[in-house]
């Protein structure tokens, strides 16, 4: 006849439990104070538009993009396929958002140069706005050329 001793369940180390609780509490306090005080928040400074241009972007049969004035329809530039990839990616992303909500694809986009020099493109149909400097100066310049173009 064998006798077995009942097993005693192991207890979770109480010090580790208190340490985890303190870590969670500290994270909540830090996040709450940052949220309430605005510390660490990144914002775009308020600026007034210096120049704005309404542009319509249309895909061409060869994979390029025709850029035209929003009001007159006059051609601004044709971006050939495989050129200006950043412009293509941004505009396809904005067009996809329009398609998702069922907005009119022929409405113009607003390219805006702000008094502080920033450049943004916005879609009045969706309310989306993209600060182009966030993607680097070479990519911002690709859109800046569209602001300056008068045709061709």
Protein backbone atom coordinates (compact mmCIF):
# COMPACT_ATOMS: atom_id res chain seq x y z
CA UNK A 1 0.00 0.00 0.00
CA UNK A 2 1.46 3.32 -1.02
CA UNK A 3 0.73 6.61 0.48
CA UNK A 4 0.83 9.83 -1.50
CA UNK A 5 1.04 13.21 -0.11
CA UNK A 6 -1.36 15.76 -1.46
CA UNK A 7 0.30 18.25 -3.78
CA UNK A 8 0.44 21.83 -2.69
CA UNK A 9 -0.30 24.29 -5.51
CA UNK A 10 2.51 26.74 -6.19
CA UNK A 11 1.70 30.34 -5.40
CA UNK A 12 2.41 33.12 -7.85
CA UNK A 13 5.17 35.32 -6.47
CA UNK A 14 3.36 38.21 -4.81
CA UNK A 15 6.27 40.62 -5.43
CA UNK A 16 6.05 40.06 -9.21
CA UNK A 17 2.30 40.64 -9.08
CA UNK A 18 2.75 43.96 -7.28
CA UNK A 19 5.48 44.94 -9.75
CA UNK A 20 3.16 44.31 -12.73
CA UNK A 21 0.38 46.33 -11.09
CA UNK A 22 2.79 49.23 -10.46
CA UNK A 23 3.98 49.13 -14.07
CA UNK A 24 0.41 49.27 -15.42
CA UNK A 25 -0.49 52.10 -13.03
CA UNK A 26 2.60 54.10 -14.04
CA UNK A 27 1.81 53.65 -17.76
CA UNK A 28 -1.76 54.89 -17.19
CA UNK A 29 -0.58 57.93 -15.22
CA UNK A 30 2.04 58.87 -17.85
CA UNK A 31 -0.38 58.42 -20.77
CA UNK A 32 -3.12 60.39 -19.00
CA UNK A 33 -0.83 63.27 -18.09
CA UNK A 34 0.55 63.44 -21.63
CA UNK A 35 -2.98 63.48 -23.03
CA UNK A 36 -4.16 66.19 -20.63
CA UNK A 37 -1.12 68.46 -20.93
CA UNK A 38 -0.42 67.94 -24.63
CA UNK A 39 3.21 67.05 -23.90
CA UNK A 40 4.68 65.08 -26.80
CA UNK A 41 1.84 65.94 -29.18
CA UNK A 42 2.81 66.75 -32.75
CA UNK A 43 0.73 69.40 -34.49
CA UNK A 44 0.87 71.29 -37.74
CA UNK A 45 1.22 75.02 -37.10
CA UNK A 46 -1.69 77.18 -38.17
CA UNK A 47 -0.93 78.96 -41.42
CA UNK A 48 -2.90 80.70 -44.13
CA UNK A 49 -3.00 79.52 -47.77
CA UNK A 50 -0.63 81.47 -50.01
CA UNK A 51 -1.56 79.76 -53.28
CA UNK A 52 -4.10 77.11 -54.24
CA UNK A 53 -4.82 75.20 -57.40
CA UNK A 54 -7.72 72.90 -58.28
CA UNK A 55 -6.50 69.88 -60.21
CA UNK A 56 -8.18 66.86 -61.78
CA UNK A 57 -6.13 63.67 -62.16
CA UNK A 58 -7.20 61.19 -64.86
CA UNK A 59 -5.58 57.86 -65.75
CA UNK A 60 -4.57 57.52 -69.39
CA UNK A 61 -4.73 54.35 -71.48
CA UNK A 62 -0.94 53.92 -71.41
CA UNK A 63 -0.77 54.03 -67.58
CA UNK A 64 0.11 57.70 -67.30
CA UNK A 65 -1.79 60.43 -65.50
CA UNK A 66 -3.28 63.51 -67.15
CA UNK A 67 -3.32 66.50 -64.79
CA UNK A 68 -5.78 69.26 -65.73
CA UNK A 69 -7.12 72.50 -64.21
CA UNK A 70 -10.23 71.86 -62.15
CA UNK A 71 -12.25 74.75 -63.51
CA UNK A 72 -11.22 75.06 -67.15
CA UNK A 73 -10.06 71.53 -67.87
CA UNK A 74 -6.92 72.93 -69.48
CA UNK A 75 -4.04 70.48 -69.44
CA UNK A 76 -1.33 71.12 -66.90
CA UNK A 77 0.89 68.12 -67.43
CA UNK A 78 0.89 64.49 -68.45
CA UNK A 79 2.83 62.26 -66.10
CA UNK A 80 4.12 59.30 -68.12
CA UNK A 81 3.81 55.75 -66.85
CA UNK A 82 6.67 54.79 -64.54
CA UNK A 83 7.48 58.44 -63.76
CA UNK A 84 6.66 60.43 -60.63
CA UNK A 85 5.68 57.32 -58.68
CA UNK A 86 4.95 59.34 -55.55
CA UNK A 87 2.30 61.45 -57.30
CA UNK A 88 0.75 58.28 -58.70
CA UNK A 89 0.64 56.54 -55.29
CA UNK A 90 -0.84 59.53 -53.46
CA UNK A 91 -3.51 60.16 -56.09
CA UNK A 92 -4.47 56.49 -56.37
CA UNK A 93 -4.84 56.36 -52.59
CA UNK A 94 -7.10 59.42 -52.56
CA UNK A 95 -9.09 58.04 -55.51
CA UNK A 96 -9.58 54.74 -53.69
CA UNK A 97 -11.07 56.60 -50.72
CA UNK A 98 -13.48 58.39 -53.05
CA UNK A 99 -14.50 55.10 -54.60
CA UNK A 100 -15.09 53.56 -51.15
CA UNK A 101 -17.58 56.27 -50.21
CA UNK A 102 -19.10 56.58 -53.69
CA UNK A 103 -17.91 60.17 -54.31
CA UNK A 104 -17.68 61.67 -57.80
CA UNK A 105 -14.27 60.76 -59.25
CA UNK A 106 -14.23 63.82 -61.54
CA UNK A 107 -14.21 66.40 -58.71
CA UNK A 108 -10.97 68.39 -58.49
CA UNK A 109 -8.43 68.04 -55.71
CA UNK A 110 -6.95 71.13 -54.01
CA UNK A 111 -3.19 71.57 -54.08
CA UNK A 112 -2.29 74.28 -51.54
CA UNK A 113 0.95 76.08 -50.76
CA UNK A 114 0.78 77.58 -47.28
CA UNK A 115 2.44 80.84 -46.15
CA UNK A 116 5.00 78.87 -44.14
CA UNK A 117 6.06 77.02 -47.32
CA UNK A 118 4.33 73.70 -46.68
CA UNK A 119 2.45 72.01 -49.50
CA UNK A 120 -0.64 69.85 -49.06
CA UNK A 121 -3.16 68.10 -51.26
CA UNK A 122 -6.71 67.77 -50.07
CA UNK A 123 -9.84 66.08 -51.31
CA UNK A 124 -13.00 68.14 -50.72
CA UNK A 125 -15.09 65.03 -51.47
CA UNK A 126 -13.70 63.00 -48.55
CA UNK A 127 -12.19 65.68 -46.30
CA UNK A 128 -8.80 63.94 -46.49
CA UNK A 129 -5.70 66.16 -46.51
CA UNK A 130 -2.09 65.06 -46.92
CA UNK A 131 0.88 67.14 -45.78
CA UNK A 132 3.37 66.36 -48.53
CA UNK A 133 6.50 67.47 -46.67
CA UNK A 134 6.04 64.49 -44.37
CA UNK A 135 7.23 62.29 -47.24
CA UNK A 136 10.45 64.23 -47.85
CA UNK A 137 11.39 67.22 -49.96
CA UNK A 138 11.93 65.32 -53.25
CA UNK A 139 8.40 63.94 -53.05
CA UNK A 140 6.98 67.34 -52.09
CA UNK A 141 8.77 68.85 -55.12
CA UNK A 142 6.95 66.44 -57.43
CA UNK A 143 3.69 68.13 -56.41
CA UNK A 144 5.27 71.61 -56.30
CA UNK A 145 5.99 71.25 -60.02
CA UNK A 146 2.25 70.81 -60.57
CA UNK A 147 1.63 74.07 -58.71
CA UNK A 148 3.99 75.91 -61.07
CA UNK A 149 3.08 74.22 -64.39
CA UNK A 150 1.04 76.25 -66.85
CA UNK A 151 0.76 73.53 -69.47
CA UNK A 152 2.77 70.96 -71.35
